[in-house]
Amino acid sequence: MASISLSHSQFSEDAIWDGLKQAISHSSGFQRWLAERALTHNPEGLNLEQLVSRYLRETLETLAY
């Protein structure tokens, strides 16, 4: 079985999180979540990290229920 060795200099945790935030924010589930909450114009002034974190928290809470 092949293993992949990545050095910390190649991929920082911030770079990985930034990529995940971008991927999540472009997903249909996230877009639907925004629309359902009327956050498409972001009246609360939340940044992308806050929106994605809220989306993930609510999604996980729903799955855990």
PDB file of N, CA and C in Angstrom:
ATOM      1  N   MET A   1       0.844  -1.175   0.000  1.00  0.00           N
ATOM      2  CA  MET A   1       0.000   0.000   0.000  1.00  0.00           C
ATOM      3  C   MET A   1       0.893   1.243   0.000  1.00  0.00           C
ATOM      4  N   ALA A   2       0.633   2.147  -0.881  1.00  0.00           N
ATOM      5  CA  ALA A   2       1.439   3.354  -0.986  1.00  0.00           C
ATOM      6  C   ALA A   2       1.030   4.359   0.078  1.00  0.00           C
ATOM      7  N   SER A   3       1.999   5.070   0.583  1.00  0.00           N
ATOM      8  CA  SER A   3       1.692   6.125   1.545  1.00  0.00           C
ATOM      9  C   SER A   3       2.140   7.454   0.969  1.00  0.00           C
ATOM     10  N   ILE A   4       1.459   8.492   1.378  1.00  0.00           N
ATOM     11  CA  ILE A   4       1.771   9.835   0.910  1.00  0.00           C
ATOM     12  C   ILE A   4       2.363  10.604   2.080  1.00  0.00           C
ATOM     13  N   SER A   5       3.503  11.184   1.852  1.00  0.00           N
ATOM     14  CA  SER A   5       4.171  11.960   2.895  1.00  0.00           C
ATOM     15  C   SER A   5       4.126  13.426   2.499  1.00  0.00           C
ATOM     16  N   LEU A   6       3.476  14.225   3.311  1.00  0.00           N
ATOM     17  CA  LEU A   6       3.375  15.654   3.052  1.00  0.00           C
ATOM     18  C   LEU A   6       4.108  16.402   4.158  1.00  0.00           C
ATOM     19  N   SER A   7       4.975  17.280   3.778  1.00  0.00           N
ATOM     20  CA  SER A   7       5.650  18.075   4.790  1.00  0.00           C
ATOM     21  C   SER A   7       4.751  19.242   5.188  1.00  0.00           C
ATOM     22  N   HIS A   8       4.987  19.723   6.379  1.00  0.00           N
ATOM     23  CA  HIS A   8       4.184  20.835   6.885  1.00  0.00           C
ATOM     24  C   HIS A   8       4.335  22.061   5.990  1.00  0.00           C
ATOM     25  N   SER A   9       5.489  22.208   5.355  1.00  0.00           N
ATOM     26  CA  SER A   9       5.700  23.371   4.505  1.00  0.00           C
ATOM     27  C   SER A   9       4.860  23.312   3.229  1.00  0.00           C
ATOM     28  N   GLN A  10       4.479  22.096   2.793  1.00  0.00           N
ATOM     29  CA  GLN A  10       3.682  21.982   1.578  1.00  0.00           C
ATOM     30  C   GLN A  10       2.233  22.427   1.804  1.00  0.00           C
ATOM     31  N   PHE A  11       1.671  21.982   2.884  1.00  0.00           N
ATOM     32  CA  PHE A  11       0.267  22.291   3.160  1.00  0.00           C
ATOM     33  C   PHE A  11       0.121  22.710   4.613  1.00  0.00           C
ATOM     34  N   SER A  12      -0.141  23.948   4.837  1.00  0.00           N
ATOM     35  CA  SER A  12      -0.379  24.397   6.202  1.00  0.00           C
ATOM     36  C   SER A  12      -1.842  24.167   6.539  1.00  0.00           C
ATOM     37  N   GLU A  13      -2.120  24.107   7.808  1.00  0.00           N
ATOM     38  CA  GLU A  13      -3.506  23.919   8.236  1.00  0.00           C
ATOM     39  C   GLU A  13      -4.396  25.045   7.731  1.00  0.00           C
ATOM     40  N   ASP A  14      -3.869  26.255   7.704  1.00  0.00           N
ATOM     41  CA  ASP A  14      -4.650  27.398   7.211  1.00  0.00           C
ATOM     42  C   ASP A  14      -4.999  27.236   5.738  1.00  0.00           C
ATOM     43  N   ALA A  15      -4.060  26.763   4.960  1.00  0.00           N
ATOM     44  CA  ALA A  15      -4.315  26.575   3.532  1.00  0.00           C
ATOM     45  C   ALA A  15      -5.378  25.509   3.318  1.00  0.00           C
ATOM     46  N   ILE A  16      -5.316  24.452   4.098  1.00  0.00           N
ATOM     47  CA  ILE A  16      -6.319  23.383   3.988  1.00  0.00           C
ATOM     48  C   ILE A  16      -7.690  23.918   4.379  1.00  0.00           C
ATOM     49  N   TRP A  17      -7.769  24.644   5.506  1.00  0.00           N
ATOM     50  CA  TRP A  17      -9.050  25.202   5.961  1.00  0.00           C
ATOM     51  C   TRP A  17      -9.590  26.199   4.936  1.00  0.00           C
ATOM     52  N   ASP A  18      -8.724  27.017   4.367  1.00  0.00           N
ATOM     53  CA  ASP A  18      -9.174  27.970   3.345  1.00  0.00           C
ATOM     54  C   ASP A  18      -9.767  27.243   2.141  1.00  0.00           C
ATOM     55  N   GLY A  19      -9.129  26.168   1.722  1.00  0.00           N
ATOM     56  CA  GLY A  19      -9.652  25.382   0.605  1.00  0.00           C
ATOM     57  C   GLY A  19     -10.984  24.741   0.939  1.00  0.00           C
ATOM     58  N   LEU A  20     -11.098  24.218   2.162  1.00  0.00           N
ATOM     59  CA  LEU A  20     -12.370  23.618   2.584  1.00  0.00           C
ATOM     60  C   LEU A  20     -13.478  24.663   2.646  1.00  0.00           C
ATOM     61  N   LYS A  21     -13.174  25.832   3.192  1.00  0.00           N
ATOM     62  CA  LYS A  21     -14.188  26.895   3.263  1.00  0.00           C
ATOM     63  C   LYS A  21     -14.686  27.253   1.869  1.00  0.00           C
ATOM     64  N   GLN A  22     -13.762  27.373   0.929  1.00  0.00           N
ATOM     65  CA  GLN A  22     -14.154  27.716  -0.437  1.00  0.00           C
ATOM     66  C   GLN A  22     -15.020  26.619  -1.048  1.00  0.00           C
ATOM     67  N   ALA A  23     -14.619  25.370  -0.862  1.00  0.00           N
ATOM     68  CA  ALA A  23     -15.383  24.253  -1.422  1.00  0.00           C
ATOM     69  C   ALA A  23     -16.777  24.185  -0.801  1.00  0.00           C
ATOM     70  N   ILE A  24     -16.852  24.343   0.510  1.00  0.00           N
ATOM     71  CA  ILE A  24     -18.146  24.289   1.200  1.00  0.00           C
ATOM     72  C   ILE A  24     -19.025  25.446   0.752  1.00  0.00           C
ATOM     73  N   SER A  25     -18.444  26.640   0.651  1.00  0.00           N
ATOM     74  CA  SER A  25     -19.247  27.812   0.299  1.00  0.00           C
ATOM     75  C   SER A  25     -19.800  27.746  -1.117  1.00  0.00           C
ATOM     76  N   HIS A  26     -19.199  26.932  -1.968  1.00  0.00           N
ATOM     77  CA  HIS A  26     -19.697  26.773  -3.334  1.00  0.00           C
ATOM     78  C   HIS A  26     -20.626  25.568  -3.484  1.00  0.00           C
ATOM     79  N   SER A  27     -20.827  24.818  -2.410  1.00  0.00           N
ATOM     80  CA  SER A  27     -21.666  23.621  -2.499  1.00  0.00           C
ATOM     81  C   SER A  27     -23.146  23.999  -2.540  1.00  0.00           C
ATOM     82  N   SER A  28     -23.933  23.136  -3.145  1.00  0.00           N
ATOM     83  CA  SER A  28     -25.371  23.401  -3.243  1.00  0.00           C
ATOM     84  C   SER A  28     -26.026  23.384  -1.861  1.00  0.00           C
ATOM     85  N   GLY A  29     -25.534  22.535  -0.975  1.00  0.00           N
ATOM     86  CA  GLY A  29     -26.097  22.477   0.378  1.00  0.00           C
ATOM     87  C   GLY A  29     -25.896  23.775   1.126  1.00  0.00           C
ATOM     88  N   PHE A  30     -24.720  24.351   1.013  1.00  0.00           N
ATOM     89  CA  PHE A  30     -24.434  25.624   1.670  1.00  0.00           C
ATOM     90  C   PHE A  30     -25.275  26.736   1.054  1.00  0.00           C
ATOM     91  N   GLN A  31     -25.372  26.760  -0.261  1.00  0.00           N
ATOM     92  CA  GLN A  31     -26.168  27.787  -0.939  1.00  0.00           C
ATOM     93  C   GLN A  31     -27.634  27.702  -0.537  1.00  0.00           C
ATOM     94  N   ARG A  32     -28.154  26.482  -0.432  1.00  0.00           N
ATOM     95  CA  ARG A  32     -29.540  26.283  -0.006  1.00  0.00           C
ATOM     96  C   ARG A  32     -29.717  26.746   1.443  1.00  0.00           C
ATOM     97  N   TRP A  33     -28.750  26.418   2.301  1.00  0.00           N
ATOM     98  CA  TRP A  33     -28.786  26.818   3.706  1.00  0.00           C
ATOM     99  C   TRP A  33     -28.829  28.344   3.813  1.00  0.00           C
ATOM    100  N   LEU A  34     -28.004  29.031   3.023  1.00  0.00           N
ATOM    101  CA  LEU A  34     -28.015  30.491   3.024  1.00  0.00           C
ATOM    102  C   LEU A  34     -29.381  31.037   2.613  1.00  0.00           C
ATOM    103  N   ALA A  35     -29.927  30.477   1.546  1.00  0.00           N
ATOM    104  CA  ALA A  35     -31.218  30.951   1.038  1.00  0.00           C
ATOM    105  C   ALA A  35     -32.335  30.719   2.052  1.00  0.00           C
ATOM    106  N   GLU A  36     -32.321  29.565   2.712  1.00  0.00           N
ATOM    107  CA  GLU A  36     -33.353  29.254   3.702  1.00  0.00           C
ATOM    108  C   GLU A  36     -33.310  30.213   4.887  1.00  0.00           C
ATOM    109  N   ARG A  37     -32.164  30.731   5.177  1.00  0.00           N
ATOM    110  CA  ARG A  37     -32.009  31.632   6.309  1.00  0.00           C
ATOM    111  C   ARG A  37     -31.971  33.099   5.885  1.00  0.00           C
ATOM    112  N   ALA A  38     -32.240  33.348   4.633  1.00  0.00           N
ATOM    113  CA  ALA A  38     -32.213  34.710   4.072  1.00  0.00           C
ATOM    114  C   ALA A  38     -30.879  35.385   4.363  1.00  0.00           C
ATOM    115  N   LEU A  39     -29.795  34.610   4.286  1.00  0.00           N
ATOM    116  CA  LEU A  39     -28.469  35.165   4.532  1.00  0.00           C
ATOM    117  C   LEU A  39     -27.720  35.434   3.234  1.00  0.00           C
ATOM    118  N   THR A  40     -28.412  35.323   2.104  1.00  0.00           N
ATOM    119  CA  THR A  40     -27.723  35.500   0.827  1.00  0.00           C
ATOM    120  C   THR A  40     -27.115  36.896   0.704  1.00  0.00           C
ATOM    121  N   HIS A  41     -27.712  37.866   1.359  1.00  0.00           N
ATOM    122  CA  HIS A  41     -27.158  39.218   1.346  1.00  0.00           C
ATOM    123  C   HIS A  41     -26.399  39.503   2.632  1.00  0.00           C
ATOM    124  N   ASN A  42     -26.310  38.496   3.516  1.00  0.00           N
ATOM    125  CA  ASN A  42     -25.524  38.549   4.743  1.00  0.00           C
ATOM    126  C   ASN A  42     -25.831  39.790   5.589  1.00  0.00           C
ATOM    127  N   PRO A  43     -27.075  39.948   6.038  1.00  0.00           N
ATOM    128  CA  PRO A  43     -27.435  41.139   6.808  1.00  0.00           C
ATOM    129  C   PRO A  43     -26.706  41.241   8.150  1.00  0.00           C
ATOM    130  N   GLU A  44     -26.218  40.113   8.663  1.00  0.00           N
ATOM    131  CA  GLU A  44     -25.511  40.143   9.940  1.00  0.00           C
ATOM    132  C   GLU A  44     -24.047  40.519   9.770  1.00  0.00           C
ATOM    133  N   GLY A  45     -23.587  40.625   8.538  1.00  0.00           N
ATOM    134  CA  GLY A  45     -22.209  40.998   8.281  1.00  0.00           C
ATOM    135  C   GLY A  45     -21.199  39.936   8.673  1.00  0.00           C
ATOM    136  N   LEU A  46     -21.611  38.676   8.607  1.00  0.00           N
ATOM    137  CA  LEU A  46     -20.711  37.589   8.968  1.00  0.00           C
ATOM    138  C   LEU A  46     -19.701  37.343   7.852  1.00  0.00           C
ATOM    139  N   ASN A  47     -18.473  37.014   8.227  1.00  0.00           N
ATOM    140  CA  ASN A  47     -17.482  36.696   7.206  1.00  0.00           C
ATOM    141  C   ASN A  47     -17.650  35.239   6.788  1.00  0.00           C
ATOM    142  N   LEU A  48     -16.938  34.841   5.762  1.00  0.00           N
ATOM    143  CA  LEU A  48     -17.085  33.496   5.210  1.00  0.00           C
ATOM    144  C   LEU A  48     -16.798  32.427   6.261  1.00  0.00           C
ATOM    145  N   GLU A  49     -15.778  32.636   7.065  1.00  0.00           N
ATOM    146  CA  GLU A  49     -15.445  31.655   8.096  1.00  0.00           C
ATOM    147  C   GLU A  49     -16.588  31.485   9.087  1.00  0.00           C
ATOM    148  N   GLN A  50     -17.207  32.573   9.502  1.00  0.00           N
ATOM    149  CA  GLN A  50     -18.326  32.506  10.434  1.00  0.00           C
ATOM    150  C   GLN A  50     -19.529  31.801   9.809  1.00  0.00           C
ATOM    151  N   LEU A  51     -19.818  32.107   8.546  1.00  0.00           N
ATOM    152  CA  LEU A  51     -20.940  31.467   7.860  1.00  0.00           C
ATOM    153  C   LEU A  51     -20.710  29.966   7.702  1.00  0.00           C
ATOM    154  N   VAL A  52     -19.522  29.579   7.270  1.00  0.00           N
ATOM    155  CA  VAL A  52     -19.226  28.158   7.084  1.00  0.00           C
ATOM    156  C   VAL A  52     -19.243  27.438   8.421  1.00  0.00           C
ATOM    157  N   SER A  53     -18.694  28.056   9.453  1.00  0.00           N
ATOM    158  CA  SER A  53     -18.693  27.435  10.784  1.00  0.00           C
ATOM    159  C   SER A  53     -20.116  27.231  11.286  1.00  0.00           C
ATOM    160  N   ARG A  54     -20.964  28.227  11.086  1.00  0.00           N
ATOM    161  CA  ARG A  54     -22.364  28.103  11.510  1.00  0.00           C
ATOM    162  C   ARG A  54     -23.075  26.999  10.724  1.00  0.00           C
ATOM    163  N   TYR A  55     -22.826  26.961   9.428  1.00  0.00           N
ATOM    164  CA  TYR A  55     -23.417  25.929   8.573  1.00  0.00           C
ATOM    165  C   TYR A  55     -22.994  24.538   9.038  1.00  0.00           C
ATOM    166  N   LEU A  56     -21.707  24.354   9.276  1.00  0.00           N
ATOM    167  CA  LEU A  56     -21.215  23.046   9.717  1.00  0.00           C
ATOM    168  C   LEU A  56     -21.786  22.670  11.075  1.00  0.00           C
ATOM    169  N   ARG A  57     -21.837  23.619  12.000  1.00  0.00           N
ATOM    170  CA  ARG A  57     -22.379  23.342  13.331  1.00  0.00           C
ATOM    171  C   ARG A  57     -23.843  22.926  13.237  1.00  0.00           C
ATOM    172  N   GLU A  58     -24.646  23.672  12.492  1.00  0.00           N
ATOM    173  CA  GLU A  58     -26.068  23.354  12.376  1.00  0.00           C
ATOM    174  C   GLU A  58     -26.272  22.017  11.661  1.00  0.00           C
ATOM    175  N   THR A  59     -25.464  21.755  10.645  1.00  0.00           N
ATOM    176  CA  THR A  59     -25.579  20.490   9.925  1.00  0.00           C
ATOM    177  C   THR A  59     -25.233  19.319  10.828  1.00  0.00           C
ATOM    178  N   LEU A  60     -24.166  19.437  11.592  1.00  0.00           N
ATOM    179  CA  LEU A  60     -23.777  18.364  12.509  1.00  0.00           C
ATOM    180  C   LEU A  60     -24.796  18.171  13.625  1.00  0.00           C
ATOM    181  N   GLU A  61     -25.360  19.275  14.126  1.00  0.00           N
ATOM    182  CA  GLU A  61     -26.398  19.168  15.156  1.00  0.00           C
ATOM    183  C   GLU A  61     -27.611  18.426  14.612  1.00  0.00           C
ATOM    184  N   THR A  62     -27.980  18.707  13.378  1.00  0.00           N
ATOM    185  CA  THR A  62     -29.110  18.036  12.742  1.00  0.00           C
ATOM    186  C   THR A  62     -28.820  16.550  12.570  1.00  0.00           C
ATOM    187  N   LEU A  63     -27.624  16.218  12.141  1.00  0.00           N
ATOM    188  CA  LEU A  63     -27.255  14.816  11.949  1.00  0.00           C
ATOM    189  C   LEU A  63     -27.197  14.073  13.276  1.00  0.00           C
ATOM    190  N   ALA A  64     -26.761  14.753  14.325  1.00  0.00           N
ATOM    191  CA  ALA A  64     -26.638  14.128  15.637  1.00  0.00           C
ATOM    192  C   ALA A  64     -28.004  13.884  16.272  1.00  0.00           C
ATOM    193  N   TYR A  65     -28.992  14.666  15.871  1.00  0.00           N
ATOM    194  CA  TYR A  65     -30.328  14.543  16.438  1.00  0.00           C
ATOM    195  C   TYR A  65     -30.954  13.275  15.947  1.00  0.00           C
TER     196      TYR A  65
END
